[in-house]
């Protein structure tokens, strides 16, 4: 079950947008050593070519363009599901998504648009 108050759980089981990639926010206020992690990720063999960086005011979104290994797509309907949705193995991060600072870009099924 999804524990986020920002989404109807029935919709949470169908689009898979949050599972097709993973993003990490790096604030421009971070220490330069922390910001250099972005550069290091880009240099990793097999990963660097699957990372995109989107600069916004105040920081950078580092996107890992890898789907979750538990994401499944129904070949008949095209709808997505999570193989461990109801399992205790499902990460807490996933159970509480979307968050209070998420936007419709993060989750197209948010209740009332941006949180």
N, C-alpha and C. Protein backbone atom coordinates (compact mmCIF):
# COMPACT_ATOMS: atom_id res chain seq x y z
N UNK A 1 0.84 -1.19 0.00
CA UNK A 1 0.00 0.00 0.00
C UNK A 1 0.88 1.24 0.00
N UNK A 2 0.39 2.30 -0.59
CA UNK A 2 1.11 3.56 -0.60
C UNK A 2 0.66 4.38 0.60
N UNK A 3 1.61 4.88 1.37
CA UNK A 3 1.30 5.64 2.58
C UNK A 3 1.28 7.14 2.37
N UNK A 4 1.51 7.60 1.16
CA UNK A 4 1.53 9.04 0.90
C UNK A 4 0.12 9.60 0.89
N UNK A 5 -0.10 10.74 1.58
CA UNK A 5 -1.41 11.39 1.54
C UNK A 5 -1.63 12.18 0.25
N UNK A 6 -0.65 12.20 -0.63
CA UNK A 6 -0.72 13.02 -1.84
C UNK A 6 -1.13 12.25 -3.09
N UNK A 7 -1.58 11.00 -2.91
CA UNK A 7 -1.97 10.21 -4.08
C UNK A 7 -3.07 9.23 -3.71
N UNK A 8 -3.95 8.98 -4.67
CA UNK A 8 -4.95 7.94 -4.53
C UNK A 8 -4.22 6.62 -4.79
N UNK A 9 -4.17 5.71 -3.81
CA UNK A 9 -3.43 4.46 -3.98
C UNK A 9 -3.84 3.64 -5.21
N UNK A 10 -5.08 3.77 -5.66
CA UNK A 10 -5.52 3.02 -6.84
C UNK A 10 -4.75 3.45 -8.08
N UNK A 11 -4.42 4.73 -8.19
CA UNK A 11 -3.66 5.23 -9.33
C UNK A 11 -2.18 4.91 -9.21
N UNK A 12 -1.73 4.74 -7.98
CA UNK A 12 -0.31 4.50 -7.75
C UNK A 12 0.16 3.20 -8.39
N UNK A 13 -0.72 2.32 -8.68
CA UNK A 13 -0.32 1.01 -9.19
C UNK A 13 -0.33 0.90 -10.71
N UNK A 14 -0.43 2.00 -11.43
CA UNK A 14 -0.62 1.85 -12.87
C UNK A 14 0.36 2.55 -13.79
N UNK A 15 0.95 3.67 -13.42
CA UNK A 15 1.73 4.42 -14.41
C UNK A 15 3.22 4.10 -14.40
N UNK A 16 3.80 3.84 -13.25
CA UNK A 16 5.21 3.47 -13.17
C UNK A 16 6.19 4.60 -13.40
N UNK A 17 5.73 5.84 -13.51
CA UNK A 17 6.65 6.95 -13.80
C UNK A 17 7.75 7.08 -12.76
N UNK A 18 7.43 6.86 -11.51
CA UNK A 18 8.42 7.01 -10.44
C UNK A 18 9.43 5.87 -10.42
N UNK A 19 9.19 4.82 -11.19
CA UNK A 19 10.06 3.64 -11.19
C UNK A 19 10.89 3.51 -12.46
N UNK A 20 10.67 4.39 -13.42
CA UNK A 20 11.39 4.30 -14.70
C UNK A 20 12.78 4.92 -14.62
N UNK A 21 13.02 5.73 -13.60
CA UNK A 21 14.32 6.37 -13.37
C UNK A 21 14.37 6.78 -11.91
N UNK A 22 15.54 7.25 -11.49
CA UNK A 22 15.71 7.70 -10.11
C UNK A 22 16.46 9.02 -10.14
N UNK A 23 15.97 10.01 -9.42
CA UNK A 23 16.61 11.33 -9.41
C UNK A 23 17.10 11.69 -8.01
N UNK A 24 18.22 12.38 -7.99
CA UNK A 24 18.80 12.89 -6.75
C UNK A 24 19.07 14.38 -6.94
N UNK A 25 18.68 15.17 -5.94
CA UNK A 25 18.87 16.62 -5.99
C UNK A 25 20.19 17.00 -5.34
N UNK A 26 20.95 17.82 -6.03
CA UNK A 26 22.19 18.38 -5.49
C UNK A 26 22.03 19.89 -5.47
N UNK A 27 22.02 20.47 -4.29
CA UNK A 27 21.93 21.91 -4.15
C UNK A 27 23.27 22.55 -4.52
N UNK A 28 23.20 23.71 -5.17
CA UNK A 28 24.42 24.44 -5.50
C UNK A 28 25.12 24.93 -4.23
N UNK A 29 24.40 24.91 -3.11
CA UNK A 29 24.98 25.32 -1.83
C UNK A 29 25.84 24.23 -1.20
N UNK A 30 25.79 23.02 -1.77
CA UNK A 30 26.61 21.93 -1.24
C UNK A 30 28.09 22.25 -1.36
N UNK A 31 28.86 21.61 -0.53
CA UNK A 31 30.31 21.69 -0.59
C UNK A 31 30.78 21.23 -1.98
N UNK A 32 31.78 21.87 -2.56
CA UNK A 32 32.28 21.45 -3.88
C UNK A 32 32.65 19.97 -3.95
N UNK A 33 33.11 19.41 -2.85
CA UNK A 33 33.44 17.98 -2.83
C UNK A 33 32.19 17.14 -3.06
N UNK A 34 31.08 17.53 -2.45
CA UNK A 34 29.82 16.82 -2.64
C UNK A 34 29.35 16.97 -4.08
N UNK A 35 29.43 18.18 -4.62
CA UNK A 35 29.02 18.41 -6.01
C UNK A 35 29.88 17.62 -7.00
N UNK A 36 31.11 17.32 -6.61
CA UNK A 36 31.98 16.56 -7.52
C UNK A 36 31.50 15.12 -7.67
N UNK A 37 30.58 14.67 -6.80
CA UNK A 37 29.99 13.33 -6.96
C UNK A 37 29.31 13.21 -8.32
N UNK A 38 28.71 14.29 -8.78
CA UNK A 38 28.03 14.28 -10.08
C UNK A 38 29.03 13.90 -11.17
N UNK A 39 30.17 14.54 -11.15
CA UNK A 39 31.22 14.26 -12.13
C UNK A 39 31.69 12.81 -12.01
N UNK A 40 31.83 12.33 -10.81
CA UNK A 40 32.29 10.96 -10.58
C UNK A 40 31.29 9.95 -11.14
N UNK A 41 30.00 10.18 -10.90
CA UNK A 41 28.98 9.28 -11.45
C UNK A 41 29.07 9.22 -12.97
N UNK A 42 29.31 10.38 -13.60
CA UNK A 42 29.41 10.42 -15.06
C UNK A 42 30.58 9.60 -15.59
N UNK A 43 31.57 9.38 -14.77
CA UNK A 43 32.77 8.65 -15.20
C UNK A 43 32.67 7.14 -14.97
N UNK A 44 31.65 6.69 -14.31
CA UNK A 44 31.52 5.26 -14.02
C UNK A 44 31.15 4.49 -15.28
N UNK A 45 31.92 3.49 -15.57
CA UNK A 45 31.69 2.66 -16.75
C UNK A 45 30.35 1.93 -16.62
N UNK A 46 29.53 2.04 -17.64
CA UNK A 46 28.23 1.37 -17.63
C UNK A 46 27.13 2.18 -16.98
N UNK A 47 27.49 3.23 -16.26
CA UNK A 47 26.50 4.08 -15.60
C UNK A 47 26.52 5.49 -16.17
N UNK A 48 27.72 6.01 -16.39
CA UNK A 48 27.88 7.39 -16.82
C UNK A 48 27.08 7.76 -18.06
N UNK A 49 26.94 6.83 -19.00
CA UNK A 49 26.19 7.13 -20.21
C UNK A 49 24.69 7.02 -20.00
N UNK A 50 24.26 6.63 -18.82
CA UNK A 50 22.83 6.52 -18.52
C UNK A 50 22.40 7.54 -17.47
N UNK A 51 23.21 8.58 -17.33
CA UNK A 51 22.92 9.65 -16.37
C UNK A 51 22.70 10.94 -17.14
N UNK A 52 21.66 11.67 -16.76
CA UNK A 52 21.46 13.00 -17.32
C UNK A 52 21.42 14.00 -16.17
N UNK A 53 21.85 15.20 -16.46
CA UNK A 53 21.88 16.25 -15.45
C UNK A 53 21.03 17.40 -15.94
N UNK A 54 20.12 17.84 -15.09
CA UNK A 54 19.25 18.96 -15.43
C UNK A 54 19.50 20.05 -14.40
N UNK A 55 19.99 21.19 -14.86
CA UNK A 55 20.26 22.30 -13.96
C UNK A 55 19.01 23.15 -13.80
N UNK A 56 18.70 23.46 -12.56
CA UNK A 56 17.60 24.36 -12.23
C UNK A 56 18.14 25.43 -11.29
N UNK A 57 17.33 26.42 -11.05
CA UNK A 57 17.73 27.45 -10.11
C UNK A 57 18.00 26.80 -8.76
N UNK A 58 19.19 26.98 -8.26
CA UNK A 58 19.53 26.45 -6.94
C UNK A 58 20.20 25.10 -6.93
N UNK A 59 20.24 24.40 -8.07
CA UNK A 59 20.88 23.09 -8.02
C UNK A 59 20.76 22.28 -9.28
N UNK A 60 21.00 20.99 -9.10
CA UNK A 60 21.05 20.05 -10.22
C UNK A 60 20.24 18.80 -9.88
N UNK A 61 19.48 18.31 -10.85
CA UNK A 61 18.85 17.00 -10.76
C UNK A 61 19.75 16.02 -11.47
N UNK A 62 20.20 15.02 -10.77
CA UNK A 62 20.98 13.95 -11.35
C UNK A 62 20.04 12.78 -11.57
N UNK A 63 19.79 12.45 -12.83
CA UNK A 63 18.83 11.39 -13.16
C UNK A 63 19.56 10.14 -13.62
N UNK A 64 19.28 9.06 -12.91
CA UNK A 64 19.78 7.74 -13.29
C UNK A 64 18.70 7.11 -14.16
N UNK A 65 18.97 6.97 -15.43
CA UNK A 65 17.98 6.47 -16.39
C UNK A 65 17.97 4.94 -16.43
N UNK A 66 17.66 4.37 -15.29
CA UNK A 66 17.54 2.92 -15.12
C UNK A 66 16.19 2.64 -14.50
N UNK A 67 15.41 1.73 -15.03
CA UNK A 67 14.16 1.38 -14.34
C UNK A 67 14.45 0.49 -13.13
N UNK A 68 13.55 0.50 -12.20
CA UNK A 68 13.64 -0.39 -11.04
C UNK A 68 13.52 -1.83 -11.53
N UNK A 69 14.28 -2.71 -10.92
CA UNK A 69 14.25 -4.12 -11.35
C UNK A 69 12.93 -4.80 -11.01
N UNK A 70 12.08 -4.15 -10.20
CA UNK A 70 10.79 -4.74 -9.84
C UNK A 70 9.63 -4.18 -10.66
N UNK A 71 9.91 -3.25 -11.57
CA UNK A 71 8.87 -2.67 -12.42
C UNK A 71 8.47 -3.66 -13.50
N UNK A 72 7.16 -3.88 -13.63
CA UNK A 72 6.63 -4.80 -14.64
C UNK A 72 5.62 -4.06 -15.50
N UNK A 73 5.56 -4.40 -16.79
CA UNK A 73 4.56 -3.81 -17.68
C UNK A 73 3.70 -4.93 -18.26
N UNK A 74 2.38 -4.74 -18.16
CA UNK A 74 1.43 -5.70 -18.71
C UNK A 74 1.41 -5.54 -20.23
N UNK A 75 1.72 -6.59 -20.95
CA UNK A 75 1.81 -6.50 -22.41
C UNK A 75 0.44 -6.28 -23.06
N UNK A 76 -0.65 -6.64 -22.39
CA UNK A 76 -1.99 -6.44 -22.95
C UNK A 76 -2.50 -5.02 -22.74
N UNK A 77 -2.31 -4.49 -21.53
CA UNK A 77 -2.88 -3.18 -21.19
C UNK A 77 -1.87 -2.04 -21.27
N UNK A 78 -0.58 -2.37 -21.19
CA UNK A 78 0.44 -1.33 -21.17
C UNK A 78 0.63 -0.72 -19.80
N UNK A 79 -0.18 -1.12 -18.82
CA UNK A 79 -0.08 -0.58 -17.47
C UNK A 79 1.10 -1.19 -16.73
N UNK A 80 1.62 -0.43 -15.79
CA UNK A 80 2.78 -0.86 -15.01
C UNK A 80 2.36 -1.32 -13.63
N UNK A 81 3.20 -2.14 -13.04
CA UNK A 81 2.98 -2.57 -11.65
C UNK A 81 4.34 -2.85 -11.02
N UNK A 82 4.31 -2.96 -9.72
CA UNK A 82 5.51 -3.25 -8.94
C UNK A 82 5.41 -4.68 -8.42
N UNK A 83 6.42 -5.47 -8.70
CA UNK A 83 6.42 -6.88 -8.27
C UNK A 83 6.48 -7.02 -6.75
N UNK A 84 6.93 -5.98 -6.04
CA UNK A 84 7.02 -6.07 -4.57
C UNK A 84 6.16 -5.02 -3.88
N UNK A 85 5.12 -4.53 -4.56
CA UNK A 85 4.30 -3.44 -4.03
C UNK A 85 3.79 -3.72 -2.62
N UNK A 86 3.28 -4.91 -2.37
CA UNK A 86 2.72 -5.25 -1.07
C UNK A 86 3.69 -6.01 -0.18
N UNK A 87 4.93 -6.07 -0.57
CA UNK A 87 5.94 -6.82 0.17
C UNK A 87 6.64 -5.93 1.20
N UNK A 88 7.06 -6.51 2.32
CA UNK A 88 7.85 -5.73 3.28
C UNK A 88 9.22 -5.33 2.72
N UNK A 89 9.61 -5.93 1.59
CA UNK A 89 10.88 -5.58 0.95
C UNK A 89 10.81 -4.28 0.16
N UNK A 90 9.60 -3.77 -0.06
CA UNK A 90 9.46 -2.51 -0.80
C UNK A 90 10.07 -1.38 0.02
N UNK A 91 10.98 -0.62 -0.57
CA UNK A 91 11.66 0.45 0.19
C UNK A 91 10.69 1.49 0.75
N UNK A 92 11.02 1.99 1.92
CA UNK A 92 10.23 3.04 2.57
C UNK A 92 10.10 4.25 1.64
N UNK A 93 11.16 4.57 0.94
CA UNK A 93 11.17 5.66 -0.04
C UNK A 93 10.02 5.52 -1.02
N UNK A 94 9.78 4.30 -1.48
CA UNK A 94 8.72 4.02 -2.45
C UNK A 94 7.33 4.08 -1.80
N UNK A 95 7.23 3.56 -0.60
CA UNK A 95 5.92 3.52 0.09
C UNK A 95 5.38 4.91 0.40
N UNK A 96 6.26 5.89 0.54
CA UNK A 96 5.83 7.24 0.92
C UNK A 96 5.83 8.24 -0.24
N UNK A 97 6.13 7.77 -1.43
CA UNK A 97 6.15 8.65 -2.60
C UNK A 97 4.73 8.83 -3.13
N UNK A 98 4.32 9.99 -3.60
CA UNK A 98 5.06 11.25 -3.68
C UNK A 98 5.12 11.95 -2.32
N UNK A 99 6.05 12.89 -2.23
CA UNK A 99 6.31 13.59 -0.98
C UNK A 99 5.65 14.97 -1.00
N UNK A 100 5.77 15.67 0.12
CA UNK A 100 5.14 16.99 0.21
C UNK A 100 5.76 18.00 -0.75
N UNK A 101 6.98 17.75 -1.21
CA UNK A 101 7.61 18.68 -2.16
C UNK A 101 7.61 18.15 -3.59
N UNK A 102 6.90 17.06 -3.85
CA UNK A 102 6.81 16.50 -5.20
C UNK A 102 5.90 17.36 -6.07
N UNK A 103 6.09 17.24 -7.37
CA UNK A 103 5.27 17.97 -8.33
C UNK A 103 4.63 16.98 -9.30
N UNK A 104 3.76 17.47 -10.16
CA UNK A 104 3.16 16.59 -11.16
C UNK A 104 4.20 16.05 -12.13
N UNK A 105 5.33 16.71 -12.24
CA UNK A 105 6.44 16.18 -13.06
C UNK A 105 6.95 14.88 -12.43
N UNK A 106 6.95 14.83 -11.12
CA UNK A 106 7.40 13.63 -10.40
C UNK A 106 6.35 12.53 -10.43
N UNK A 107 5.08 12.94 -10.28
CA UNK A 107 3.98 11.98 -10.19
C UNK A 107 2.73 12.58 -10.83
N UNK A 108 2.34 12.10 -12.01
CA UNK A 108 1.19 12.68 -12.70
C UNK A 108 -0.15 12.42 -12.03
N UNK A 109 -0.19 11.58 -11.00
CA UNK A 109 -1.45 11.26 -10.33
C UNK A 109 -1.59 11.89 -8.96
N UNK A 110 -0.83 12.94 -8.69
CA UNK A 110 -0.92 13.59 -7.38
C UNK A 110 -2.30 14.19 -7.20
N UNK A 111 -2.79 14.11 -5.98
CA UNK A 111 -4.08 14.71 -5.63
C UNK A 111 -3.90 16.22 -5.57
N UNK A 112 -4.68 16.93 -6.36
CA UNK A 112 -4.63 18.39 -6.33
C UNK A 112 -3.40 18.99 -6.98
N UNK A 113 -2.74 18.27 -7.85
CA UNK A 113 -1.57 18.84 -8.53
C UNK A 113 -0.37 18.85 -7.62
N UNK A 114 0.41 19.92 -7.68
CA UNK A 114 1.62 20.01 -6.86
C UNK A 114 1.23 20.02 -5.40
N UNK A 115 2.04 19.36 -4.60
CA UNK A 115 1.76 19.29 -3.15
C UNK A 115 2.04 20.61 -2.50
